[in-house]
Amino acid sequence: MEELYKKTFIKGLSLDDSQKVENLNYNEIDEWDSIGHMTLVSELEEAFNVTLDTDDIVNFSSYAEGKKILSKLGVKF
C-alpha cells in the first residue's frame, strides 16, 4: 500500500516520479496549493476506495498525516 500511496500522491500533485514526497507538507511546493489539494484528495479517494470527510480534507496537511487519515479509514500500510 505504501507504493500505491506514494504513486497516487505523485500523480495527484502532478509531480515528477523522482521527487521525494515523504516529507512534503501542504503549501510547501507550488503544486500543493488548494487546487492541487483537492485533486490529490480525489485521486486518493479513487485509488483507495474511501471517502474523506471535510475534517479529514482540512487536516490532510502532510504526506505523513495523509497516511494517518487513510489508516483511520481502514487502509493498511
Protein backbone atom coordinates (compact mmCIF):
# COMPACT_ATOMS: atom_id res chain seq x y z
CA MET A 1 0.00 0.00 0.00
CA GLU A 2 2.92 2.32 0.65
CA GLU A 3 3.94 2.26 -3.01
CA LEU A 4 0.35 2.87 -4.19
CA TYR A 5 0.05 5.80 -1.77
CA LYS A 6 3.30 7.33 -2.99
CA LYS A 7 2.41 6.87 -6.68
CA THR A 8 -1.07 8.31 -6.14
CA PHE A 9 0.40 11.25 -4.21
CA ILE A 10 2.82 11.98 -7.07
CA LYS A 11 0.06 11.64 -9.68
CA GLY A 12 -2.41 13.76 -7.69
CA LEU A 13 0.06 16.63 -7.46
CA SER A 14 1.45 16.13 -10.99
CA LEU A 15 4.98 15.70 -9.67
CA ASP A 16 7.99 14.07 -11.27
CA ASP A 17 8.36 10.39 -10.37
CA SER A 18 11.80 11.02 -8.90
CA GLN A 19 10.64 13.74 -6.50
CA LYS A 20 10.86 12.94 -2.79
CA VAL A 21 7.39 13.27 -1.29
CA GLU A 22 7.71 11.59 2.10
CA ASN A 23 8.45 14.88 3.89
CA LEU A 24 6.11 17.14 1.93
CA ASN A 25 3.72 19.49 3.69
CA TYR A 26 0.75 21.38 2.30
CA ASN A 27 1.72 24.63 0.52
CA GLU A 28 5.46 23.82 0.65
CA ILE A 29 5.56 23.43 -3.12
CA ASP A 30 3.62 25.26 -5.81
CA GLU A 31 1.85 22.08 -6.92
CA TRP A 32 0.31 21.52 -3.49
CA ASP A 33 -1.94 24.54 -3.36
CA SER A 34 -5.69 24.44 -2.73
CA ILE A 35 -6.48 23.16 -6.23
CA GLY A 36 -3.71 20.56 -6.08
CA HIS A 37 -5.01 19.54 -2.67
CA MET A 38 -8.47 18.74 -3.98
CA THR A 39 -7.02 16.88 -6.97
CA LEU A 40 -4.86 14.86 -4.58
CA VAL A 41 -7.83 14.06 -2.37
CA SER A 42 -9.85 12.91 -5.38
CA GLU A 43 -7.02 10.67 -6.62
CA LEU A 44 -6.56 9.13 -3.17
CA GLU A 45 -10.28 8.52 -2.70
CA GLU A 46 -10.40 6.72 -6.04
CA ALA A 47 -7.19 4.72 -5.53
CA PHE A 48 -8.14 3.51 -2.04
CA ASN A 49 -11.94 3.41 -2.47
CA VAL A 50 -12.56 5.70 0.51
CA THR A 51 -14.35 8.98 1.13
CA LEU A 52 -12.61 11.66 3.13
CA ASP A 53 -14.90 13.88 5.16
CA THR A 54 -14.40 17.63 5.43
CA ASP A 55 -12.34 17.39 8.63
CA ASP A 56 -10.03 14.82 7.04
CA ILE A 57 -9.55 17.01 3.96
CA VAL A 58 -8.73 20.05 6.10
CA ASN A 59 -6.41 18.06 8.37
CA PHE A 60 -4.57 16.46 5.42
CA SER A 61 -1.56 18.73 5.89
CA SER A 62 1.34 16.46 5.00
CA TYR A 63 2.31 13.18 3.37
CA ALA A 64 2.60 11.59 6.83
CA GLU A 65 -0.73 12.98 8.02
CA GLY A 66 -2.40 11.60 4.90
CA LYS A 67 -1.22 8.12 5.82
CA LYS A 68 -2.73 8.52 9.31
CA ILE A 69 -6.04 9.66 7.85
CA LEU A 70 -6.18 6.79 5.35
CA SER A 71 -5.23 4.32 8.10
CA LYS A 72 -8.16 5.60 10.15
CA LEU A 73 -10.36 4.75 7.13
CA GLY A 74 -9.10 1.17 7.06
CA VAL A 75 -6.15 1.41 4.66
CA LYS A 76 -3.30 -0.77 5.92
CA PHE A 77 0.25 0.45 5.32
